[in-house]
Protein backbone atom coordinates (compact mmCIF):
# COMPACT_ATOMS: atom_id res chain seq x y z
CA MET A 1 30.10 -12.61 6.89
CA GLU A 2 27.29 -10.28 7.72
CA ASP A 3 28.16 -8.41 4.37
CA LYS A 4 28.41 -11.74 2.39
CA ASP A 5 25.20 -13.29 3.69
CA TRP A 6 23.34 -9.68 3.07
CA GLU A 7 24.73 -9.81 -0.51
CA LEU A 8 23.51 -13.04 -1.31
CA PHE A 9 20.37 -13.15 0.06
CA ILE A 10 19.38 -9.82 -2.17
CA LYS A 11 20.65 -11.99 -5.08
CA LYS A 12 18.42 -14.82 -4.04
CA PHE A 13 15.39 -12.24 -3.84
CA LYS A 14 16.02 -10.19 -6.99
CA ASP A 15 16.35 -13.79 -8.84
CA MET A 16 13.28 -14.76 -7.76
CA THR A 17 11.09 -11.58 -7.36
CA ALA A 18 12.86 -9.38 -9.45
CA ILE A 19 12.86 -6.63 -6.51
CA ASP A 20 15.92 -5.28 -6.30
CA LEU A 21 16.77 -4.44 -2.52
CA ASN A 22 20.13 -2.45 -3.70
CA LEU A 23 17.50 0.29 -4.93
CA TYR A 24 16.47 1.11 -1.30
CA LYS A 25 18.29 2.90 1.49
CA GLU A 26 20.70 -0.06 2.77
CA ASN A 27 20.63 0.80 6.18
CA GLN A 28 17.05 1.54 6.90
CA MET A 29 15.88 -1.57 4.90
CA LYS A 30 18.76 -3.87 6.17
CA ARG A 31 17.54 -2.94 9.85
CA ARG A 32 14.18 -3.25 9.49
CA LEU A 33 14.40 -6.78 7.80
CA SER A 34 17.15 -7.84 10.32
CA THR A 35 14.40 -7.17 13.11
CA LEU A 36 11.89 -9.20 11.59
CA ARG A 37 14.56 -12.05 10.69
CA GLN A 38 15.63 -12.21 14.35
CA LYS A 39 11.88 -12.42 15.46
CA ARG A 40 11.78 -15.64 13.33
CA GLY A 41 14.34 -16.94 14.68
CA PHE A 42 17.27 -17.33 11.91
CA ASP A 43 20.86 -16.43 11.96
CA THR A 44 21.14 -15.54 8.83
CA PHE A 45 19.37 -13.95 5.90
CA VAL A 46 20.06 -16.96 3.65
CA SER A 47 18.69 -19.23 5.82
CA TYR A 48 15.80 -17.09 6.20
CA PHE A 49 15.22 -16.86 2.40
CA ASP A 50 15.46 -20.76 2.12
CA THR A 51 12.38 -20.93 4.50
CA MET A 52 10.31 -18.03 3.05
CA ILE A 53 10.32 -19.73 -0.32
CA ARG A 54 8.51 -22.75 0.91
CA ASP A 55 6.62 -20.74 3.52
CA LYS A 56 3.80 -18.29 1.72
CA GLU A 57 2.80 -16.77 5.04
CA MET A 58 6.41 -16.04 6.18
CA PHE A 59 6.99 -14.61 2.43
CA TYR A 60 3.86 -12.24 2.61
CA GLU A 61 4.97 -11.10 6.13
CA PHE A 62 8.17 -10.22 4.66
CA LEU A 63 7.00 -8.33 1.42
CA ASP A 64 4.85 -6.58 3.88
CA ARG A 65 7.57 -5.33 6.19
CA MET A 66 9.85 -4.72 3.28
CA THR A 67 7.12 -2.53 1.53
CA ILE A 68 5.95 -0.65 4.82
CA ASN A 69 2.38 -0.73 3.99
CA VAL A 70 1.04 2.04 6.39
CA SER A 71 -1.41 4.19 4.66
CA GLU A 72 -4.56 5.98 5.78
CA PHE A 73 -7.20 7.62 4.04
CA TRP A 74 -7.01 11.57 3.27
CA ARG A 75 -3.69 11.86 4.95
CA ASN A 76 -2.90 15.05 4.92
CA ALA A 77 -6.40 16.22 4.26
CA ASN A 78 -5.60 19.60 3.08
CA ARG A 79 -3.61 19.05 0.29
CA TRP A 80 -6.47 16.60 -0.80
CA GLU A 81 -8.58 19.57 -0.71
CA VAL A 82 -6.09 21.50 -2.97
CA LEU A 83 -6.37 18.72 -5.69
CA MET A 84 -9.93 18.88 -5.51
CA GLN A 85 -10.52 22.61 -5.53
CA ARG A 86 -7.73 23.61 -7.90
CA PHE A 87 -5.73 21.00 -9.84
CA ILE A 88 -8.48 18.64 -10.94
CA PRO A 89 -10.59 21.76 -11.85
CA GLU A 90 -7.39 23.02 -14.06
CA LEU A 91 -6.82 19.56 -15.65
CA LEU A 92 -10.43 19.67 -16.56
CA GLN A 93 -9.88 22.43 -19.11
CA GLU A 94 -7.79 20.21 -20.99
CA ASN A 95 -9.18 16.86 -20.65
CA ARG A 96 -12.88 16.03 -19.44
CA ARG A 97 -11.91 12.49 -19.03
CA LEU A 98 -9.30 12.13 -16.49
CA LYS A 99 -6.78 9.29 -16.49
CA THR A 100 -5.23 8.67 -13.20
CA TRP A 101 -2.83 6.57 -11.05
CA SER A 102 -2.17 6.46 -7.70
CA ALA A 103 1.56 4.17 -7.65
CA ALA A 104 2.37 2.49 -4.87
CA CYS A 105 -0.90 2.16 -3.50
CA SER A 106 -0.53 -0.06 -0.60
CA THR A 107 -3.88 -1.25 0.99
CA GLY A 108 -5.78 1.27 -0.89
CA GLU A 109 -6.61 3.83 1.27
CA GLU A 110 -5.25 6.37 -1.09
CA PRO A 111 -6.81 5.11 -4.30
CA TYR A 112 -10.29 5.41 -2.83
CA THR A 113 -9.61 8.79 -1.29
CA LEU A 114 -8.95 9.85 -5.12
CA SER A 115 -12.40 8.27 -6.14
CA MET A 116 -14.32 10.43 -3.41
CA VAL A 117 -12.41 13.02 -4.54
CA LEU A 118 -13.64 12.59 -8.06
CA ASN A 119 -17.14 11.55 -6.91
CA GLU A 120 -17.64 14.90 -5.01
CA LEU A 121 -16.95 16.59 -8.39
CA ASN A 122 -19.15 14.54 -10.68
CA LEU A 123 -16.23 12.55 -12.68
CA LEU A 124 -16.09 8.91 -11.01
CA THR A 125 -17.67 7.71 -14.25
CA THR A 126 -15.74 9.32 -16.68
CA SER A 127 -12.57 9.05 -14.72
CA THR A 128 -10.22 6.11 -14.70
CA VAL A 129 -8.56 5.11 -11.68
CA LEU A 130 -5.54 2.81 -11.88
CA ALA A 131 -4.01 1.47 -8.34
CA THR A 132 -0.80 -0.50 -8.33
CA ASP A 133 1.52 -1.99 -6.06
CA ILE A 134 4.69 -4.55 -5.86
CA ASP A 135 3.02 -6.39 -3.01
CA ASP A 136 0.13 -9.20 -3.59
CA GLY A 137 -1.20 -9.11 -0.08
CA ALA A 138 -1.95 -5.49 0.05
CA ILE A 139 -3.66 -5.41 -3.20
CA GLU A 140 -5.80 -8.23 -1.87
CA LYS A 141 -6.36 -6.22 1.34
CA ALA A 142 -7.10 -3.11 -1.15
CA LYS A 143 -9.57 -5.19 -3.21
CA ARG A 144 -11.59 -6.07 0.04
CA ALA A 145 -11.65 -2.90 1.25
CA ILE A 146 -12.65 -3.03 4.40
CA TYR A 147 -10.57 -1.14 7.22
CA VAL A 148 -10.55 -0.29 11.08
CA GLU A 149 -11.59 2.94 12.56
CA THR A 150 -8.10 4.60 12.98
CA SER A 151 -7.64 4.41 8.72
CA LEU A 152 -10.27 6.94 8.60
CA ARG A 153 -9.38 9.35 11.69
CA GLU A 154 -8.72 12.26 8.65
CA VAL A 155 -11.79 11.69 6.41
CA PRO A 156 -14.53 14.50 6.92
CA SER A 157 -17.23 12.80 9.07
CA LYS A 158 -19.73 13.56 5.80
CA TYR A 159 -17.50 11.07 3.58
CA VAL A 160 -17.25 8.78 6.09
CA GLN A 161 -21.03 8.69 6.27
CA LYS A 162 -21.38 8.67 2.49
CA TYR A 163 -18.65 6.30 1.43
CA PHE A 164 -18.36 3.32 4.12
CA THR A 165 -20.40 1.06 5.58
CA LYS A 166 -19.94 0.09 9.27
CA LYS A 167 -20.26 -3.53 10.23
CA GLU A 168 -19.43 -4.27 13.67
CA LEU A 169 -16.22 -2.72 14.09
CA MET A 170 -14.98 -2.57 10.67
CA PHE A 171 -15.87 -0.12 7.77
CA HIS A 172 -16.32 -1.38 4.17
CA VAL A 173 -15.90 0.74 1.37
CA ASN A 174 -18.77 1.60 -0.83
CA ASP A 175 -19.06 -0.47 -3.93
CA GLN A 176 -19.61 2.92 -5.87
CA LEU A 177 -15.75 3.41 -5.13
CA LYS A 178 -14.61 -0.37 -5.61
CA GLN A 179 -16.44 -0.76 -8.78
CA VAL A 180 -13.85 2.30 -10.48
CA VAL A 181 -10.64 1.33 -8.88
CA ARG A 182 -8.47 -1.24 -11.04
CA PHE A 183 -5.65 -3.14 -9.27
CA GLN A 184 -2.74 -4.26 -10.91
CA LYS A 185 0.76 -5.50 -9.46
CA GLN A 186 3.64 -3.40 -10.35
CA ASN A 187 7.01 -2.96 -9.48
CA LEU A 188 8.03 0.68 -10.13
CA LEU A 189 11.87 0.29 -10.09
CA VAL A 190 11.67 -1.90 -12.80
CA ASP A 191 8.23 -1.86 -14.81
CA THR A 192 7.80 0.36 -17.84
CA PHE A 193 4.43 2.95 -17.25
CA ASP A 194 1.60 3.68 -19.31
CA SER A 195 1.74 7.22 -20.79
CA ASN A 196 -1.00 10.29 -20.86
CA TYR A 197 -1.83 10.37 -17.48
CA ASP A 198 -3.47 13.71 -15.98
CA LEU A 199 -2.85 12.62 -12.38
CA ILE A 200 0.01 10.77 -10.75
CA ILE A 201 -0.12 10.20 -6.91
CA CYS A 202 3.05 8.41 -5.50
CA ARG A 203 3.18 9.44 -1.65
CA ASN A 204 5.62 8.46 1.58
CA VAL A 205 7.24 5.54 -0.58
CA ILE A 206 10.30 7.57 -2.43
CA ILE A 207 11.95 8.70 0.41
CA TYR A 208 12.81 4.64 1.03
CA PHE A 209 14.88 4.58 -2.32
CA THR A 210 18.35 5.40 -3.15
CA GLU A 211 19.22 8.82 -4.74
CA GLU A 212 20.10 6.60 -8.34
CA ALA A 213 16.33 4.97 -8.01
CA LYS A 214 14.34 8.34 -6.76
CA HIS A 215 16.39 10.12 -10.27
CA ASN A 216 15.20 7.35 -12.47
CA LEU A 217 11.49 7.27 -11.05
CA TYR A 218 11.10 10.98 -11.62
CA HIS A 219 11.92 10.60 -15.18
CA LYS A 220 9.77 7.72 -15.66
CA PHE A 221 6.79 9.87 -13.80
CA ALA A 222 7.32 12.71 -15.86
CA LYS A 223 7.50 10.50 -19.08
CA ALA A 224 4.08 8.90 -17.93
CA LEU A 225 2.17 12.46 -17.71
CA ARG A 226 0.70 14.47 -20.35
CA PRO A 227 2.18 17.99 -20.70
CA GLY A 228 0.40 20.19 -17.90
CA GLY A 229 -0.32 16.80 -16.09
CA ILE A 230 0.05 16.87 -12.46
CA LEU A 231 2.32 14.96 -10.16
CA PHE A 232 1.25 14.59 -6.11
CA ILE A 233 3.94 13.21 -3.77
CA GLY A 234 4.30 12.81 0.21
CA SER A 235 4.38 15.25 2.79
CA THR A 236 8.21 13.54 3.66
CA GLU A 237 9.50 14.11 0.28
CA GLN A 238 10.35 17.02 -2.21
CA ILE A 239 11.60 17.17 -5.84
CA PHE A 240 14.74 19.08 -5.70
CA ASN A 241 15.57 21.01 -9.15
CA PRO A 242 12.02 19.69 -10.64
CA SER A 243 13.10 21.04 -14.38
CA GLN A 244 15.58 18.23 -15.08
CA TYR A 245 12.46 15.96 -15.03
CA ASN A 246 10.56 18.26 -17.11
CA MET A 247 8.52 19.56 -14.33
CA GLU A 248 7.78 22.40 -12.07
CA PRO A 249 6.72 23.32 -8.74
CA ALA A 250 2.84 23.93 -8.85
CA ASP A 251 2.13 24.00 -4.96
CA THR A 252 3.19 22.37 -1.80
CA PHE A 253 3.73 18.62 -2.99
CA PHE A 254 2.38 19.28 -6.40
CA TYR A 255 4.62 18.98 -9.70
CA ARG A 256 3.35 20.16 -12.74
CA LYS A 257 4.87 18.58 -16.44
CA LEU A 258 5.98 21.37 -18.80
CA ARG A 259 4.28 22.04 -21.45
CA LYS A 260 6.80 22.41 -24.66
C-alpha cells in the first residue's frame, strides 16, 4: 500500500507541476518528504497532496523541502577565487561580453556571488547573469535579496562592506548587483536551455538526481555551453568520463567544453 500511495502521489504531482520525482534518488527524497508529511499530520501522500493543492502555503513548504534550498555566498571561497583569477580571464580572451547562467540558483546567493566576481573584474555592465530555479518561493526570496548573517560567513569582509547594507539584523544586497541578475523559473530536467553560454554554474544540486537524470542533464549543459565554455559544479559532485559529454576537466569542480 505504501508503494502504491507513493506512486500515485508522484503521478498526481507530475501532472500538476511537470516535476517528475522519479528523476530524484528515491530513498533520499521519500525519506525527506515523509518526515514533512508526518509532521503535518497526514497518513498518506495522496491525502497530503489533496490538501496541498488547496493550501498555497503548504504547497510552497513542500516544494522548499523537495528542492533543498540550502545555499550561502562564496561557498567554497577558494573555488570562486579560481573562477575570478583564472577562468573568467580565459573566457574573456574569446568573448568580451560574457553570457553566464546560475542554474538551480535557490535563494540567490550564488548568482549574487557571481555578480560580485564580475564587478570586481569590471565586467558587470557588459555581462548577462541569468538565474533559474524550479521553486517560486526561492526565486521570490532571491529577488528580495535580504539575508541573515550566517549566509555571509564565507564572504570576504571587504565585499560585505562593499555589496551589502545592514539593516537591523538583516543584510540587503546592494541594487548594483540586484539590477543585473535576471531570475526565471525553470525545471532543469524538462525545460530546454538557451545556448552559447560562456559559464554555467550548477552546484550541489545534481547529487540528488538519479544517474539517468544526471547523464541527460550533463548532455544538456554541454550543449548549452559554447566551445571552450566552463561548467562549475559543487564540491560534492564529480563528472566521471566527461569526454562522453564533450567536456574535459579544467580544475577541481570545473569542466571545459571541448573545442572541435
